[in-house]
Amino acid sequence: MRCALPALSLLLFTGCMAPQLDTKTALTWLDSADQAPAIDVGGHWESVRPFMAGGWGSGDWVQSGARVMGSLGLYNVEGRVSGRKLYLVLSSMRRVHYTAVLEPAADGSLQGLATGKALPDSPESRTAEHCPMALQRSQGEVQANQKP
């Protein structure tokens, strides 16, 4: 009976831990998005919702070909533009926290869904956290992009 209690505690503890998405799997997923880029997402982006109201914060992205790198709020961002879609991996402290797929909307924003600790459309995503993501370019960037 003494051995059963620690074993049961360990089983309960490991059963309640959320699964982790490893970085290698997430980056392989990014690399699978291999269409030629049809949009430019480099620049400064801000969440449509304020950070304290559940938004993602703001950040700067650099796009080189299809690859995108930068930050968004508290997260490091690695991404890939494939056609008109942007695939993102959001991580911090060497852990993947979210993956996301965004598309440009008519108003110029990027909109989509972030999946917590799972790849979109994977079996694990069925029980994962899902958060809407809507980002807009900062006003200065929008005006600079509209100049001839």
C-alpha atoms as a PDB file:
ATOM      1  CA  MET A   1       0.000   0.000   0.000  1.00  0.00           C
ATOM      2  CA  ARG A   2       2.902   2.367   0.747  1.00  0.00           C
ATOM      3  CA  CYS A   3       4.225   2.007  -2.806  1.00  0.00           C
ATOM      4  CA  ALA A   4       0.804   2.520  -4.341  1.00  0.00           C
ATOM      5  CA  LEU A   5       0.373   6.071  -3.013  1.00  0.00           C
ATOM      6  CA  PRO A   6       3.542   7.548  -4.604  1.00  0.00           C
ATOM      7  CA  ALA A   7       2.837   5.692  -7.840  1.00  0.00           C
ATOM      8  CA  LEU A   8      -0.735   7.018  -7.910  1.00  0.00           C
ATOM      9  CA  SER A   9       0.510  10.564  -7.195  1.00  0.00           C
ATOM     10  CA  LEU A  10       2.992  10.333 -10.060  1.00  0.00           C
ATOM     11  CA  LEU A  11       0.304   9.019 -12.405  1.00  0.00           C
ATOM     12  CA  LEU A  12      -2.088  11.834 -11.488  1.00  0.00           C
ATOM     13  CA  PHE A  13       0.636  14.471 -11.796  1.00  0.00           C
ATOM     14  CA  THR A  14       1.830  13.336 -15.233  1.00  0.00           C
ATOM     15  CA  GLY A  15      -1.736  12.824 -16.433  1.00  0.00           C
ATOM     16  CA  CYS A  16      -2.604  16.463 -15.646  1.00  0.00           C
ATOM     17  CA  MET A  17       0.418  17.959 -17.370  1.00  0.00           C
ATOM     18  CA  ALA A  18      -0.364  19.593 -20.689  1.00  0.00           C
ATOM     19  CA  PRO A  19       1.420  18.043 -23.663  1.00  0.00           C
ATOM     20  CA  GLN A  20       4.343  20.019 -25.018  1.00  0.00           C
ATOM     21  CA  LEU A  21       4.988  20.711 -28.682  1.00  0.00           C
ATOM     22  CA  ASP A  22       8.692  20.373 -29.323  1.00  0.00           C
ATOM     23  CA  THR A  23      10.536  23.003 -31.334  1.00  0.00           C
ATOM     24  CA  LYS A  24      11.799  20.572 -33.984  1.00  0.00           C
ATOM     25  CA  THR A  25       8.261  19.406 -34.810  1.00  0.00           C
ATOM     26  CA  ALA A  26       7.002  23.006 -34.942  1.00  0.00           C
ATOM     27  CA  LEU A  27       9.807  24.118 -37.276  1.00  0.00           C
ATOM     28  CA  THR A  28       9.253  21.089 -39.523  1.00  0.00           C
ATOM     29  CA  TRP A  29       5.596  22.159 -39.743  1.00  0.00           C
ATOM     30  CA  LEU A  30       6.725  25.663 -40.782  1.00  0.00           C
ATOM     31  CA  ASP A  31       8.996  24.239 -43.470  1.00  0.00           C
ATOM     32  CA  SER A  32       6.094  22.225 -44.914  1.00  0.00           C
ATOM     33  CA  ALA A  33       4.423  25.517 -45.920  1.00  0.00           C
ATOM     34  CA  ASP A  34       6.361  25.856 -49.142  1.00  0.00           C
ATOM     35  CA  GLN A  35       4.394  27.956 -51.641  1.00  0.00           C
ATOM     36  CA  ALA A  36       6.054  31.104 -52.957  1.00  0.00           C
ATOM     37  CA  PRO A  37       5.227  34.096 -50.727  1.00  0.00           C
ATOM     38  CA  ALA A  38       2.490  36.352 -52.114  1.00  0.00           C
ATOM     39  CA  ILE A  39       2.313  38.845 -49.211  1.00  0.00           C
ATOM     40  CA  ASP A  40       4.813  41.014 -47.330  1.00  0.00           C
ATOM     41  CA  VAL A  41       4.410  40.934 -43.550  1.00  0.00           C
ATOM     42  CA  GLY A  42       7.621  42.670 -42.541  1.00  0.00           C
ATOM     43  CA  GLY A  43       7.236  45.643 -40.208  1.00  0.00           C
ATOM     44  CA  HIS A  44       5.557  46.635 -36.968  1.00  0.00           C
ATOM     45  CA  TRP A  45       2.325  44.843 -36.025  1.00  0.00           C
ATOM     46  CA  GLU A  46      -0.090  45.430 -33.156  1.00  0.00           C
ATOM     47  CA  SER A  47      -2.861  43.310 -31.756  1.00  0.00           C
ATOM     48  CA  VAL A  48      -6.318  44.648 -32.545  1.00  0.00           C
ATOM     49  CA  ARG A  49      -7.220  44.031 -28.889  1.00  0.00           C
ATOM     50  CA  PRO A  50      -5.124  45.676 -26.141  1.00  0.00           C
ATOM     51  CA  PHE A  51      -2.612  43.351 -24.459  1.00  0.00           C
ATOM     52  CA  MET A  52      -4.279  43.640 -21.049  1.00  0.00           C
ATOM     53  CA  ALA A  53      -7.648  42.773 -22.618  1.00  0.00           C
ATOM     54  CA  GLY A  54      -6.407  39.470 -23.981  1.00  0.00           C
ATOM     55  CA  GLY A  55      -4.556  40.808 -27.016  1.00  0.00           C
ATOM     56  CA  TRP A  56      -1.200  39.599 -28.269  1.00  0.00           C
ATOM     57  CA  GLY A  57       0.763  42.833 -27.822  1.00  0.00           C
ATOM     58  CA  SER A  58       2.907  44.332 -30.547  1.00  0.00           C
ATOM     59  CA  GLY A  59       6.108  43.403 -32.296  1.00  0.00           C
ATOM     60  CA  ASP A  60       8.420  43.843 -35.224  1.00  0.00           C
ATOM     61  CA  TRP A  61       8.915  41.259 -37.948  1.00  0.00           C
ATOM     62  CA  VAL A  62      11.582  40.950 -40.604  1.00  0.00           C
ATOM     63  CA  GLN A  63      10.686  38.997 -43.724  1.00  0.00           C
ATOM     64  CA  SER A  64      13.428  37.541 -45.904  1.00  0.00           C
ATOM     65  CA  GLY A  65      11.909  35.638 -48.816  1.00  0.00           C
ATOM     66  CA  ALA A  66       9.373  33.337 -47.169  1.00  0.00           C
ATOM     67  CA  ARG A  67      10.965  33.385 -43.696  1.00  0.00           C
ATOM     68  CA  VAL A  68       9.694  35.689 -40.956  1.00  0.00           C
ATOM     69  CA  MET A  69      11.413  36.388 -37.632  1.00  0.00           C
ATOM     70  CA  GLY A  70      10.761  38.789 -34.805  1.00  0.00           C
ATOM     71  CA  SER A  71       8.615  39.162 -31.719  1.00  0.00           C
ATOM     72  CA  LEU A  72       5.006  39.620 -30.704  1.00  0.00           C
ATOM     73  CA  GLY A  73       4.274  40.672 -27.137  1.00  0.00           C
ATOM     74  CA  LEU A  74       6.076  38.233 -24.858  1.00  0.00           C
ATOM     75  CA  TYR A  75       6.843  35.731 -27.622  1.00  0.00           C
ATOM     76  CA  ASN A  76       9.621  35.124 -30.106  1.00  0.00           C
ATOM     77  CA  VAL A  77       8.175  34.613 -33.578  1.00  0.00           C
ATOM     78  CA  GLU A  78       9.400  32.320 -36.322  1.00  0.00           C
ATOM     79  CA  GLY A  79       7.234  32.070 -39.375  1.00  0.00           C
ATOM     80  CA  ARG A  80       6.840  31.365 -43.022  1.00  0.00           C
ATOM     81  CA  VAL A  81       4.736  33.032 -45.678  1.00  0.00           C
ATOM     82  CA  SER A  82       3.241  30.479 -48.043  1.00  0.00           C
ATOM     83  CA  GLY A  83       1.064  31.976 -50.753  1.00  0.00           C
ATOM     84  CA  ARG A  84      -1.268  34.403 -48.954  1.00  0.00           C
ATOM     85  CA  LYS A  85      -1.032  32.617 -45.596  1.00  0.00           C
ATOM     86  CA  LEU A  86       1.324  33.284 -42.701  1.00  0.00           C
ATOM     87  CA  TYR A  87       2.322  30.328 -40.538  1.00  0.00           C
ATOM     88  CA  LEU A  88       3.735  31.240 -37.115  1.00  0.00           C
ATOM     89  CA  VAL A  89       5.402  29.549 -34.164  1.00  0.00           C
ATOM     90  CA  LEU A  90       5.303  31.623 -30.965  1.00  0.00           C
ATOM     91  CA  SER A  91       7.767  30.601 -28.294  1.00  0.00           C
ATOM     92  CA  SER A  92       9.520  31.823 -25.183  1.00  0.00           C
ATOM     93  CA  MET A  93      12.169  30.313 -22.953  1.00  0.00           C
ATOM     94  CA  ARG A  94      12.784  27.576 -25.571  1.00  0.00           C
ATOM     95  CA  ARG A  95       9.183  26.352 -25.375  1.00  0.00           C
ATOM     96  CA  VAL A  96       6.588  26.502 -28.105  1.00  0.00           C
ATOM     97  CA  HIS A  97       3.434  28.082 -26.718  1.00  0.00           C
ATOM     98  CA  TYR A  98       1.341  28.627 -29.859  1.00  0.00           C
ATOM     99  CA  THR A  99       1.202  27.928 -33.560  1.00  0.00           C
ATOM    100  CA  ALA A 100      -0.955  30.087 -35.800  1.00  0.00           C
ATOM    101  CA  VAL A 101      -2.192  30.430 -39.346  1.00  0.00           C
ATOM    102  CA  LEU A 102      -3.132  33.959 -40.431  1.00  0.00           C
ATOM    103  CA  GLU A 103      -4.501  35.404 -43.646  1.00  0.00           C
ATOM    104  CA  PRO A 104      -4.851  39.009 -44.826  1.00  0.00           C
ATOM    105  CA  ALA A 105      -8.320  40.525 -44.389  1.00  0.00           C
ATOM    106  CA  ALA A 106      -9.895  43.191 -46.610  1.00  0.00           C
ATOM    107  CA  ASP A 107      -8.855  45.931 -44.140  1.00  0.00           C
ATOM    108  CA  GLY A 108      -5.165  44.952 -44.370  1.00  0.00           C
ATOM    109  CA  SER A 109      -5.058  43.201 -41.010  1.00  0.00           C
ATOM    110  CA  LEU A 110      -3.889  39.625 -40.495  1.00  0.00           C
ATOM    111  CA  GLN A 111      -6.491  37.343 -38.959  1.00  0.00           C
ATOM    112  CA  GLY A 112      -6.630  33.729 -37.943  1.00  0.00           C
ATOM    113  CA  LEU A 113      -6.448  31.304 -35.088  1.00  0.00           C
ATOM    114  CA  ALA A 114      -3.647  30.410 -32.678  1.00  0.00           C
ATOM    115  CA  THR A 115      -3.490  26.881 -31.289  1.00  0.00           C
ATOM    116  CA  GLY A 116      -1.914  26.292 -27.887  1.00  0.00           C
ATOM    117  CA  LYS A 117       0.927  23.752 -27.738  1.00  0.00           C
ATOM    118  CA  ALA A 118      -0.277  21.841 -30.803  1.00  0.00           C
ATOM    119  CA  LEU A 119      -0.127  22.051 -34.568  1.00  0.00           C
ATOM    120  CA  PRO A 120      -3.296  23.229 -36.316  1.00  0.00           C
ATOM    121  CA  ASP A 121      -5.296  20.302 -37.729  1.00  0.00           C
ATOM    122  CA  SER A 122      -3.326  17.760 -35.671  1.00  0.00           C
ATOM    123  CA  PRO A 123      -5.184  15.262 -33.470  1.00  0.00           C
ATOM    124  CA  GLU A 124      -3.844  17.142 -30.413  1.00  0.00           C
ATOM    125  CA  SER A 125      -5.422  20.387 -31.625  1.00  0.00           C
ATOM    126  CA  ARG A 126      -8.909  19.003 -30.968  1.00  0.00           C
ATOM    127  CA  THR A 127      -8.391  19.416 -27.218  1.00  0.00           C
ATOM    128  CA  ALA A 128      -5.943  22.335 -27.372  1.00  0.00           C
ATOM    129  CA  GLU A 129      -6.592  25.944 -26.459  1.00  0.00           C
ATOM    130  CA  HIS A 130      -7.689  28.052 -29.463  1.00  0.00           C
ATOM    131  CA  CYS A 131      -7.357  31.838 -29.471  1.00  0.00           C
ATOM    132  CA  PRO A 132      -8.382  34.302 -32.177  1.00  0.00           C
ATOM    133  CA  MET A 133      -5.509  36.397 -33.485  1.00  0.00           C
ATOM    134  CA  ALA A 134      -6.060  39.717 -35.262  1.00  0.00           C
ATOM    135  CA  LEU A 135      -3.094  41.981 -35.989  1.00  0.00           C
ATOM    136  CA  GLN A 136      -2.850  45.309 -37.764  1.00  0.00           C
ATOM    137  CA  ARG A 137       0.126  47.273 -39.012  1.00  0.00           C
ATOM    138  CA  SER A 138       0.946  50.315 -36.928  1.00  0.00           C
ATOM    139  CA  GLN A 139      -0.468  53.579 -38.317  1.00  0.00           C
ATOM    140  CA  GLY A 140       2.968  54.851 -39.377  1.00  0.00           C
ATOM    141  CA  GLU A 141       3.598  51.684 -41.375  1.00  0.00           C
ATOM    142  CA  VAL A 142       0.204  51.837 -43.082  1.00  0.00           C
ATOM    143  CA  GLN A 143       0.790  55.440 -44.178  1.00  0.00           C
ATOM    144  CA  ALA A 144       4.330  54.667 -45.389  1.00  0.00           C
ATOM    145  CA  ASN A 145       3.036  51.721 -47.442  1.00  0.00           C
ATOM    146  CA  GLN A 146       0.387  53.940 -49.099  1.00  0.00           C
ATOM    147  CA  LYS A 147       2.883  56.520 -50.405  1.00  0.00           C
ATOM    148  CA  PRO A 148       3.653  56.272 -54.168  1.00  0.00           C
END
